[in-house]
Amino acid sequence: MPIDFKGSHFPKSVILFAVFFYVRYGVSYRDLEEIMAERGVDVDHATLNRWVVKFSPLIAANAQARKRSTAVSWRMDETYIKVRGKWMYHYRAVDRDGQTLDFMLSERRDTAAARRFFKRAVGNNGVPGRIAIDKSGANLAGLQSLNAILKFTGVGRIIDVVQSKYLNNIVEQGHRFIKRITRPMLGFKAFHSAAATLAGIEVTHMIRKGQFGQTSVSAFKQFAALAA
């Protein structure tokens, strides 16, 4: 769905460049303010923050709808993200080829959060044949709960669950990319801004992995196209 930029005091191209640069290169908002000034754009860091928080989730939603088909064998894991000085949990799922399936920031790492994430991922990507998880009891319980729902609703199949640390190496590689980008951002002050920023970071990671089938097009142009 095209994103509405009406009411913005800056051109769409300027807004998209700022959002892309922030979520792709891991700079602070103060640094981005200086970068934009070097390009002749006078915009304060608070406005840059509002742009990222507003537009990143919208672009991520379009990315979810437009990404290429993924495999039915999944890998799922979570990584730690600090928000307001507390550790929170960024759930992530990829397929066997490392293609991003879904992601979700949660204040808790428990069965309810795992179930919510799996339901979201299945809703966006369909029912997989298999999901590999680590030895987490909460993730296992979340998947078992989802399987009970699938069985009750008559979907026709349930998900095969595999608990293996080795199989999850591919999703952990993506964790490193997320941490590398968030490290220079000087921490998140609010849950909603953290979730929005992580959504934008995940989109740029999907672009790097060629999930939109436009490998000959620059990363920024692919990012901007997701807003159209």
Foldseek 3Di string as FASTA:
>chain_A
DAADPPPDPDDPLLLLVLLLCQLAAQAALVVSCVVVVVVVDHDHSVVNLVSLLPCLVLLLVLCLVQFDAAALEKEKDWDWAAEQNDTWIKIWMHHLVLAGQDIDIGRDDALVVLLVRVVVSCVSHNHGQEYEYAPDPSNVNSQVVVQVVCVVVVVPDGHHYHHDPVSNPSVVVVVVQLCNNNVNHPHHHDDSSVRSSSSNNVSLVNVVVCRNVCVVDDSSVVSSVSND
